[in-house]
Amino acid sequence: MDKTLLEVKNLCSGYSPGNYVLNDISVKVNEGEILAVIGPNGCGKTTLLKTLARLLPYRGTITLESGEISSLKRNKLAKKIALLSQNAGVYFPYSVYETAALGRFPHSENFFKTLTPEDEKIINDVLIKLELLEEKDRLINELSGGQLQRVFLARTLIQNPDIILLDEPTNHLDLKHQLELLDYLSLWVTAEPKRAVIAVLHDLNLARRFAHNTALLCRGLLVSIGETGQVLSGDTLKEVYGIDIKSFMRESLENWK
């Protein structure tokens, strides 16, 4: 039987109390699951991720095994949930290694604590897997958008949370690195118990390929949730996007023959 890692009930949230973008959202995410969140622009996808990371006020409940997230101290929550935003910016010219290493600080009592050999091994392992080790001494303000996105993803993975929230994780990445990134997340989520990924994806091909389940949002409401193939095959998808996506995909595929 699948074990629930995160449960959201009757969630309403927005950027100020009472002014909700999302209304009455209920979702369960199990261990080992990749959940794609899809929907048109402005439907509340990013708002959902920010709320799950406790960055926005909300009504309803968001429950982990350790309890309601509102009761957790910020450093304990950071060990449970990590958010990679699509708008992560460069504020200081740290090196790739220094930026990635920031992911270890929720696991230390002192922010200025020296990295342990275990910390360094975790950092190096992730940098190797994301093809960033050779770039570790470069300043992040010298990187391309795709390289920078991988650095911020490395920082998120190095944080070693139970749940990773990704807002357009393939943003700025070429096709090769998109597939490698999602392949890596597919391995990460099942490598240890008590892990899950919730990813906002615009590319429905990637959602179909990598997500076990999919949540479809429209105008702040959850209009469909379930196994990815079923959600993407339903008539609701056409109604929400205002286009016959299945026919469009088939016509596009014909152009490759």
C-alpha atoms as a PDB file:
ATOM      1  CA  MET A   1       0.000   0.000   0.000  1.00  0.00           C
ATOM      2  CA  ASP A   2       1.316   3.439  -0.945  1.00  0.00           C
ATOM      3  CA  LYS A   3       2.317   5.593   2.011  1.00  0.00           C
ATOM      4  CA  THR A   4       1.190   9.218   2.013  1.00  0.00           C
ATOM      5  CA  LEU A   5       4.073  11.651   2.454  1.00  0.00           C
ATOM      6  CA  LEU A   6       2.184  14.948   2.003  1.00  0.00           C
ATOM      7  CA  GLU A   7      -1.529  15.632   2.318  1.00  0.00           C
ATOM      8  CA  VAL A   8      -3.247  18.889   1.398  1.00  0.00           C
ATOM      9  CA  LYS A   9      -6.874  19.409   2.418  1.00  0.00           C
ATOM     10  CA  ASN A  10      -9.243  22.211   1.430  1.00  0.00           C
ATOM     11  CA  LEU A  11      -6.345  24.565   0.697  1.00  0.00           C
ATOM     12  CA  CYS A  12      -7.065  28.208  -0.104  1.00  0.00           C
ATOM     13  CA  SER A  13      -4.098  30.522  -0.574  1.00  0.00           C
ATOM     14  CA  GLY A  14      -2.928  33.723  -2.195  1.00  0.00           C
ATOM     15  CA  TYR A  15      -0.697  36.706  -1.739  1.00  0.00           C
ATOM     16  CA  SER A  16      -2.749  38.297   1.031  1.00  0.00           C
ATOM     17  CA  PRO A  17      -5.177  36.810   3.562  1.00  0.00           C
ATOM     18  CA  GLY A  18      -8.658  36.438   2.130  1.00  0.00           C
ATOM     19  CA  ASN A  19      -7.557  37.279  -1.415  1.00  0.00           C
ATOM     20  CA  TYR A  20      -7.162  33.739  -2.666  1.00  0.00           C
ATOM     21  CA  VAL A  21      -5.640  32.554  -5.937  1.00  0.00           C
ATOM     22  CA  LEU A  22      -6.236  28.882  -5.103  1.00  0.00           C
ATOM     23  CA  ASN A  23      -9.509  27.581  -3.727  1.00  0.00           C
ATOM     24  CA  ASP A  24     -10.375  24.265  -2.076  1.00  0.00           C
ATOM     25  CA  ILE A  25      -7.367  22.261  -3.274  1.00  0.00           C
ATOM     26  CA  SER A  26      -6.984  18.726  -1.887  1.00  0.00           C
ATOM     27  CA  VAL A  27      -4.049  16.536  -2.934  1.00  0.00           C
ATOM     28  CA  LYS A  28      -2.190  13.504  -1.602  1.00  0.00           C
ATOM     29  CA  VAL A  29       1.408  12.750  -2.588  1.00  0.00           C
ATOM     30  CA  ASN A  30       2.891   9.328  -1.833  1.00  0.00           C
ATOM     31  CA  GLU A  31       6.437   8.205  -1.192  1.00  0.00           C
ATOM     32  CA  GLY A  32       8.352   7.637  -4.415  1.00  0.00           C
ATOM     33  CA  GLU A  33       5.937   9.737  -6.464  1.00  0.00           C
ATOM     34  CA  ILE A  34       6.549  12.406  -9.068  1.00  0.00           C
ATOM     35  CA  LEU A  35       3.480  14.650  -9.302  1.00  0.00           C
ATOM     36  CA  ALA A  36       3.262  17.019 -12.262  1.00  0.00           C
ATOM     37  CA  VAL A  37       1.248  20.213 -11.842  1.00  0.00           C
ATOM     38  CA  ILE A  38      -0.070  21.536 -15.143  1.00  0.00           C
ATOM     39  CA  GLY A  39      -2.492  24.168 -16.389  1.00  0.00           C
ATOM     40  CA  PRO A  40      -2.641  27.440 -18.349  1.00  0.00           C
ATOM     41  CA  ASN A  41      -0.707  30.532 -17.334  1.00  0.00           C
ATOM     42  CA  GLY A  42      -2.174  32.212 -14.274  1.00  0.00           C
ATOM     43  CA  CYS A  43      -4.031  29.156 -12.993  1.00  0.00           C
ATOM     44  CA  GLY A  44      -2.148  29.045  -9.677  1.00  0.00           C
ATOM     45  CA  LYS A  45       0.650  26.514 -10.254  1.00  0.00           C
ATOM     46  CA  THR A  46       3.441  28.650  -8.791  1.00  0.00           C
ATOM     47  CA  THR A  47       1.146  29.817  -6.000  1.00  0.00           C
ATOM     48  CA  LEU A  48       0.621  26.179  -5.022  1.00  0.00           C
ATOM     49  CA  LEU A  49       4.357  25.475  -4.762  1.00  0.00           C
ATOM     50  CA  LYS A  50       5.005  28.646  -2.753  1.00  0.00           C
ATOM     51  CA  THR A  51       2.200  27.727  -0.392  1.00  0.00           C
ATOM     52  CA  LEU A  52       3.565  24.213   0.118  1.00  0.00           C
ATOM     53  CA  ALA A  53       6.904  25.830   0.981  1.00  0.00           C
ATOM     54  CA  ARG A  54       5.071  28.039   3.515  1.00  0.00           C
ATOM     55  CA  LEU A  55       5.952  31.246   1.714  1.00  0.00           C
ATOM     56  CA  LEU A  56       2.331  32.382   1.408  1.00  0.00           C
ATOM     57  CA  PRO A  57      -0.590  32.596   3.870  1.00  0.00           C
ATOM     58  CA  TYR A  58      -3.188  29.870   3.543  1.00  0.00           C
ATOM     59  CA  ARG A  59      -6.342  28.372   4.950  1.00  0.00           C
ATOM     60  CA  GLY A  60      -6.823  24.612   5.179  1.00  0.00           C
ATOM     61  CA  THR A  61      -4.179  22.038   6.121  1.00  0.00           C
ATOM     62  CA  ILE A  62      -0.805  20.955   4.721  1.00  0.00           C
ATOM     63  CA  THR A  63       0.364  17.900   6.618  1.00  0.00           C
ATOM     64  CA  LEU A  64       3.638  15.989   6.613  1.00  0.00           C
ATOM     65  CA  GLU A  65       4.426  12.945   8.732  1.00  0.00           C
ATOM     66  CA  SER A  66       5.781  15.333  11.345  1.00  0.00           C
ATOM     67  CA  GLY A  67       2.559  17.340  11.429  1.00  0.00           C
ATOM     68  CA  GLU A  68       1.096  20.551  10.039  1.00  0.00           C
ATOM     69  CA  ILE A  69       3.808  22.597   8.333  1.00  0.00           C
ATOM     70  CA  SER A  70       2.663  25.749  10.152  1.00  0.00           C
ATOM     71  CA  SER A  71       3.900  24.168  13.391  1.00  0.00           C
ATOM     72  CA  LEU A  72       7.408  23.433  12.107  1.00  0.00           C
ATOM     73  CA  LYS A  73      10.363  25.715  12.707  1.00  0.00           C
ATOM     74  CA  ARG A  74      11.842  27.104   9.517  1.00  0.00           C
ATOM     75  CA  ASN A  75      15.083  25.072   9.680  1.00  0.00           C
ATOM     76  CA  LYS A  76      13.134  21.840  10.315  1.00  0.00           C
ATOM     77  CA  LEU A  77      10.816  22.605   7.406  1.00  0.00           C
ATOM     78  CA  ALA A  78      13.893  23.170   5.196  1.00  0.00           C
ATOM     79  CA  LYS A  79      14.965  19.599   5.937  1.00  0.00           C
ATOM     80  CA  LYS A  80      11.567  18.377   4.760  1.00  0.00           C
ATOM     81  CA  ILE A  81      10.717  20.605   1.776  1.00  0.00           C
ATOM     82  CA  ALA A  82      12.927  22.435  -0.742  1.00  0.00           C
ATOM     83  CA  LEU A  83      11.681  24.805  -3.438  1.00  0.00           C
ATOM     84  CA  LEU A  84      13.488  25.573  -6.689  1.00  0.00           C
ATOM     85  CA  SER A  85      11.835  28.663  -8.119  1.00  0.00           C
ATOM     86  CA  GLN A  86      11.907  29.488 -11.827  1.00  0.00           C
ATOM     87  CA  ASN A  87      12.976  33.029 -10.919  1.00  0.00           C
ATOM     88  CA  ALA A  88      15.982  32.184  -8.769  1.00  0.00           C
ATOM     89  CA  GLY A  89      18.292  35.152  -9.157  1.00  0.00           C
ATOM     90  CA  VAL A  90      21.986  35.921  -8.753  1.00  0.00           C
ATOM     91  CA  TYR A  91      22.472  38.298  -5.844  1.00  0.00           C
ATOM     92  CA  PHE A  92      26.108  37.619  -4.930  1.00  0.00           C
ATOM     93  CA  PRO A  93      28.946  36.416  -7.194  1.00  0.00           C
ATOM     94  CA  TYR A  94      29.556  33.159  -5.318  1.00  0.00           C
ATOM     95  CA  SER A  95      31.326  30.269  -6.978  1.00  0.00           C
ATOM     96  CA  VAL A  96      29.401  27.252  -8.221  1.00  0.00           C
ATOM     97  CA  TYR A  97      30.691  25.220  -5.269  1.00  0.00           C
ATOM     98  CA  GLU A  98      29.817  27.895  -2.692  1.00  0.00           C
ATOM     99  CA  THR A  99      26.314  28.278  -4.114  1.00  0.00           C
ATOM    100  CA  ALA A 100      25.676  24.550  -4.158  1.00  0.00           C
ATOM    101  CA  ALA A 101      27.065  24.190  -0.626  1.00  0.00           C
ATOM    102  CA  LEU A 102      24.371  26.518   0.717  1.00  0.00           C
ATOM    103  CA  GLY A 103      22.071  23.522   0.544  1.00  0.00           C
ATOM    104  CA  ARG A 104      23.835  21.974   3.558  1.00  0.00           C
ATOM    105  CA  PHE A 105      23.144  24.814   5.990  1.00  0.00           C
ATOM    106  CA  PRO A 106      19.689  23.617   7.123  1.00  0.00           C
ATOM    107  CA  HIS A 107      21.545  20.560   8.443  1.00  0.00           C
ATOM    108  CA  SER A 108      23.956  22.560  10.609  1.00  0.00           C
ATOM    109  CA  GLU A 109      23.331  24.325  13.909  1.00  0.00           C
ATOM    110  CA  ASN A 110      25.709  27.145  13.025  1.00  0.00           C
ATOM    111  CA  PHE A 111      25.323  28.923   9.670  1.00  0.00           C
ATOM    112  CA  PHE A 112      29.073  29.568   9.546  1.00  0.00           C
ATOM    113  CA  LYS A 113      30.010  26.011  10.487  1.00  0.00           C
ATOM    114  CA  THR A 114      32.800  24.439   8.430  1.00  0.00           C
ATOM    115  CA  LEU A 115      31.604  21.807   5.994  1.00  0.00           C
ATOM    116  CA  THR A 116      32.155  18.259   7.223  1.00  0.00           C
ATOM    117  CA  PRO A 117      33.671  15.489   5.083  1.00  0.00           C
ATOM    118  CA  GLU A 118      30.127  14.093   4.755  1.00  0.00           C
ATOM    119  CA  ASP A 119      28.875  17.488   3.530  1.00  0.00           C
ATOM    120  CA  GLU A 120      31.676  17.684   0.986  1.00  0.00           C
ATOM    121  CA  LYS A 121      30.946  14.176  -0.301  1.00  0.00           C
ATOM    122  CA  ILE A 122      27.249  14.999  -0.769  1.00  0.00           C
ATOM    123  CA  ILE A 123      28.126  18.233  -2.591  1.00  0.00           C
ATOM    124  CA  ASN A 124      30.696  16.624  -4.872  1.00  0.00           C
ATOM    125  CA  ASP A 125      28.443  13.665  -5.709  1.00  0.00           C
ATOM    126  CA  VAL A 126      25.630  15.983  -6.836  1.00  0.00           C
ATOM    127  CA  LEU A 127      27.983  18.249  -8.809  1.00  0.00           C
ATOM    128  CA  ILE A 128      29.338  15.200 -10.635  1.00  0.00           C
ATOM    129  CA  LYS A 129      25.870  13.908 -11.497  1.00  0.00           C
ATOM    130  CA  LEU A 130      24.805  17.317 -12.827  1.00  0.00           C
ATOM    131  CA  GLU A 131      28.073  17.757 -14.791  1.00  0.00           C
ATOM    132  CA  LEU A 132      29.134  20.762 -12.737  1.00  0.00           C
ATOM    133  CA  LEU A 133      32.251  19.591 -10.914  1.00  0.00           C
ATOM    134  CA  GLU A 134      34.622  20.985 -13.525  1.00  0.00           C
ATOM    135  CA  GLU A 135      32.835  24.341 -13.182  1.00  0.00           C
ATOM    136  CA  LYS A 136      32.979  24.425  -9.363  1.00  0.00           C
ATOM    137  CA  ASP A 137      35.347  27.396  -9.132  1.00  0.00           C
ATOM    138  CA  ARG A 138      33.544  29.578 -11.688  1.00  0.00           C
ATOM    139  CA  LEU A 139      31.471  32.505 -10.451  1.00  0.00           C
ATOM    140  CA  ILE A 140      27.767  31.964 -10.995  1.00  0.00           C
ATOM    141  CA  ASN A 141      27.324  35.398 -12.602  1.00  0.00           C
ATOM    142  CA  GLU A 142      29.529  34.129 -15.451  1.00  0.00           C
ATOM    143  CA  LEU A 143      27.291  31.139 -16.243  1.00  0.00           C
ATOM    144  CA  SER A 144      24.720  30.641 -18.960  1.00  0.00           C
ATOM    145  CA  GLY A 145      21.071  30.359 -17.991  1.00  0.00           C
ATOM    146  CA  GLY A 146      21.143  26.577 -18.380  1.00  0.00           C
ATOM    147  CA  GLN A 147      24.276  26.170 -16.266  1.00  0.00           C
ATOM    148  CA  LEU A 148      22.845  28.445 -13.586  1.00  0.00           C
ATOM    149  CA  GLN A 149      19.625  26.438 -13.482  1.00  0.00           C
ATOM    150  CA  ARG A 150      21.650  23.279 -12.855  1.00  0.00           C
ATOM    151  CA  VAL A 151      23.588  24.987 -10.048  1.00  0.00           C
ATOM    152  CA  PHE A 152      20.375  25.971  -8.281  1.00  0.00           C
ATOM    153  CA  LEU A 153      19.048  22.451  -8.767  1.00  0.00           C
ATOM    154  CA  ALA A 154      22.285  21.113  -7.259  1.00  0.00           C
ATOM    155  CA  ARG A 155      21.770  23.332  -4.213  1.00  0.00           C
ATOM    156  CA  THR A 156      18.230  21.963  -3.865  1.00  0.00           C
ATOM    157  CA  LEU A 157      19.360  18.329  -4.099  1.00  0.00           C
ATOM    158  CA  ILE A 158      22.231  18.942  -1.689  1.00  0.00           C
ATOM    159  CA  GLN A 159      19.662  20.215   0.815  1.00  0.00           C
ATOM    160  CA  ASN A 160      18.482  16.566   0.823  1.00  0.00           C
ATOM    161  CA  PRO A 161      14.822  17.212   1.654  1.00  0.00           C
ATOM    162  CA  ASP A 162      12.008  14.686   1.671  1.00  0.00           C
ATOM    163  CA  ILE A 163      10.030  16.657  -0.917  1.00  0.00           C
ATOM    164  CA  ILE A 164      11.402  18.757  -3.766  1.00  0.00           C
ATOM    165  CA  LEU A 165       9.164  21.424  -5.277  1.00  0.00           C
ATOM    166  CA  LEU A 166      10.225  22.428  -8.786  1.00  0.00           C
ATOM    167  CA  ASP A 167       8.799  25.374 -10.689  1.00  0.00           C
ATOM    168  CA  GLU A 168       9.609  24.803 -14.368  1.00  0.00           C
ATOM    169  CA  PRO A 169      12.805  22.851 -13.598  1.00  0.00           C
ATOM    170  CA  THR A 170      13.687  22.517 -17.290  1.00  0.00           C
ATOM    171  CA  ASN A 171      13.612  26.281 -17.821  1.00  0.00           C
ATOM    172  CA  HIS A 172      16.711  27.405 -19.822  1.00  0.00           C
ATOM    173  CA  LEU A 173      17.879  23.808 -20.333  1.00  0.00           C
ATOM    174  CA  ASP A 174      18.506  22.284 -23.732  1.00  0.00           C
ATOM    175  CA  LEU A 175      16.720  19.020 -24.556  1.00  0.00           C
ATOM    176  CA  LYS A 176      19.643  16.804 -23.526  1.00  0.00           C
ATOM    177  CA  HIS A 177      19.876  18.366 -20.080  1.00  0.00           C
ATOM    178  CA  GLN A 178      16.080  18.414 -19.669  1.00  0.00           C
ATOM    179  CA  LEU A 179      15.959  14.658 -20.113  1.00  0.00           C
ATOM    180  CA  GLU A 180      19.039  14.053 -17.965  1.00  0.00           C
ATOM    181  CA  LEU A 181      17.596  16.229 -15.199  1.00  0.00           C
ATOM    182  CA  LEU A 182      14.273  14.420 -15.118  1.00  0.00           C
ATOM    183  CA  ASP A 183      15.965  11.018 -15.400  1.00  0.00           C
ATOM    184  CA  TYR A 184      18.071  11.963 -12.379  1.00  0.00           C
ATOM    185  CA  LEU A 185      14.990  13.051 -10.413  1.00  0.00           C
ATOM    186  CA  SER A 186      13.289   9.762 -11.302  1.00  0.00           C
ATOM    187  CA  LEU A 187      16.219   7.919  -9.735  1.00  0.00           C
ATOM    188  CA  TRP A 188      16.473  10.297  -6.769  1.00  0.00           C
ATOM    189  CA  VAL A 189      12.837   9.913  -5.763  1.00  0.00           C
ATOM    190  CA  THR A 190      13.102   6.125  -5.423  1.00  0.00           C
ATOM    191  CA  ALA A 191      16.691   5.854  -4.153  1.00  0.00           C
ATOM    192  CA  GLU A 192      15.568   6.254  -0.527  1.00  0.00           C
ATOM    193  CA  PRO A 193      12.215   6.067   1.265  1.00  0.00           C
ATOM    194  CA  LYS A 194      10.204   9.177   2.160  1.00  0.00           C
ATOM    195  CA  ARG A 195      10.936  11.113  -1.020  1.00  0.00           C
ATOM    196  CA  ALA A 196       8.658  12.813  -3.536  1.00  0.00           C
ATOM    197  CA  VAL A 197       8.842  15.435  -6.274  1.00  0.00           C
ATOM    198  CA  ILE A 198       6.153  17.966  -7.173  1.00  0.00           C
ATOM    199  CA  ALA A 199       7.002  19.723 -10.439  1.00  0.00           C
ATOM    200  CA  VAL A 200       5.243  22.460 -12.380  1.00  0.00           C
ATOM    201  CA  LEU A 201       5.668  21.543 -16.045  1.00  0.00           C
ATOM    202  CA  HIS A 202       4.505  23.352 -19.172  1.00  0.00           C
ATOM    203  CA  ASP A 203       5.769  20.653 -21.510  1.00  0.00           C
ATOM    204  CA  LEU A 204       3.077  17.968 -21.415  1.00  0.00           C
ATOM    205  CA  ASN A 205       5.374  15.507 -23.203  1.00  0.00           C
ATOM    206  CA  LEU A 206       7.736  15.684 -20.227  1.00  0.00           C
ATOM    207  CA  ALA A 207       4.838  15.296 -17.805  1.00  0.00           C
ATOM    208  CA  ARG A 208       3.648  12.184 -19.649  1.00  0.00           C
ATOM    209  CA  ARG A 209       7.149  10.739 -19.741  1.00  0.00           C
ATOM    210  CA  PHE A 210       8.211  11.296 -16.129  1.00  0.00           C
ATOM    211  CA  ALA A 211       5.243  11.995 -13.829  1.00  0.00           C
ATOM    212  CA  HIS A 212       3.392   9.158 -12.135  1.00  0.00           C
ATOM    213  CA  ASN A 213       0.394  11.383 -11.410  1.00  0.00           C
ATOM    214  CA  THR A 214      -0.723  14.784 -12.640  1.00  0.00           C
ATOM    215  CA  ALA A 215      -2.794  17.590 -11.129  1.00  0.00           C
ATOM    216  CA  LEU A 216      -4.563  19.869 -13.628  1.00  0.00           C
ATOM    217  CA  LEU A 217      -5.391  23.376 -12.398  1.00  0.00           C
ATOM    218  CA  CYS A 218      -7.681  25.935 -13.988  1.00  0.00           C
ATOM    219  CA  ARG A 219      -8.519  29.361 -12.559  1.00  0.00           C
ATOM    220  CA  GLY A 220      -7.344  28.405  -9.098  1.00  0.00           C
ATOM    221  CA  LEU A 221      -9.299  25.152  -8.954  1.00  0.00           C
ATOM    222  CA  LEU A 222      -8.174  21.533  -9.133  1.00  0.00           C
ATOM    223  CA  VAL A 223     -10.187  20.211 -12.065  1.00  0.00           C
ATOM    224  CA  SER A 224      -8.509  16.807 -12.502  1.00  0.00           C
ATOM    225  CA  ILE A 225      -5.990  14.653 -10.682  1.00  0.00           C
ATOM    226  CA  GLY A 226      -4.873  11.075 -11.179  1.00  0.00           C
ATOM    227  CA  GLU A 227      -2.593   8.860 -13.209  1.00  0.00           C
ATOM    228  CA  THR A 228      -0.809  11.007 -15.781  1.00  0.00           C
ATOM    229  CA  GLY A 229      -1.973   9.110 -18.856  1.00  0.00           C
ATOM    230  CA  GLN A 230      -5.590   9.371 -17.776  1.00  0.00           C
ATOM    231  CA  VAL A 231      -5.429  13.094 -16.982  1.00  0.00           C
ATOM    232  CA  LEU A 232      -3.723  13.895 -20.290  1.00  0.00           C
ATOM    233  CA  SER A 233      -6.165  11.758 -22.250  1.00  0.00           C
ATOM    234  CA  GLY A 234      -9.322  13.231 -20.754  1.00  0.00           C
ATOM    235  CA  ASP A 235     -11.660  15.741 -22.386  1.00  0.00           C
ATOM    236  CA  THR A 236     -11.013  18.128 -19.492  1.00  0.00           C
ATOM    237  CA  LEU A 237      -7.554  18.874 -20.883  1.00  0.00           C
ATOM    238  CA  LYS A 238      -9.051  20.209 -24.114  1.00  0.00           C
ATOM    239  CA  GLU A 239     -11.573  22.310 -22.201  1.00  0.00           C
ATOM    240  CA  VAL A 240      -8.923  23.828 -19.928  1.00  0.00           C
ATOM    241  CA  TYR A 241      -6.377  24.667 -22.639  1.00  0.00           C
ATOM    242  CA  GLY A 242      -8.895  25.552 -25.333  1.00  0.00           C
ATOM    243  CA  ILE A 243      -7.085  23.387 -27.880  1.00  0.00           C
ATOM    244  CA  ASP A 244      -7.164  19.730 -28.900  1.00  0.00           C
ATOM    245  CA  ILE A 245      -3.703  18.920 -27.577  1.00  0.00           C
ATOM    246  CA  LYS A 246      -3.796  15.242 -28.551  1.00  0.00           C
ATOM    247  CA  SER A 247      -4.466  16.127 -32.204  1.00  0.00           C
ATOM    248  CA  PHE A 248      -1.767  18.789 -32.127  1.00  0.00           C
ATOM    249  CA  MET A 249       0.777  16.292 -30.755  1.00  0.00           C
ATOM    250  CA  ARG A 250      -0.110  13.717 -33.402  1.00  0.00           C
ATOM    251  CA  GLU A 251       0.197  16.289 -36.214  1.00  0.00           C
ATOM    252  CA  SER A 252       3.565  17.409 -34.858  1.00  0.00           C
ATOM    253  CA  LEU A 253       4.775  13.807 -34.739  1.00  0.00           C
ATOM    254  CA  GLU A 254       3.779  13.319 -38.383  1.00  0.00           C
ATOM    255  CA  ASN A 255       6.181  16.131 -39.338  1.00  0.00           C
ATOM    256  CA  TRP A 256       9.090  14.025 -38.077  1.00  0.00           C
ATOM    257  CA  LYS A 257       8.389  11.138 -40.451  1.00  0.00           C
END
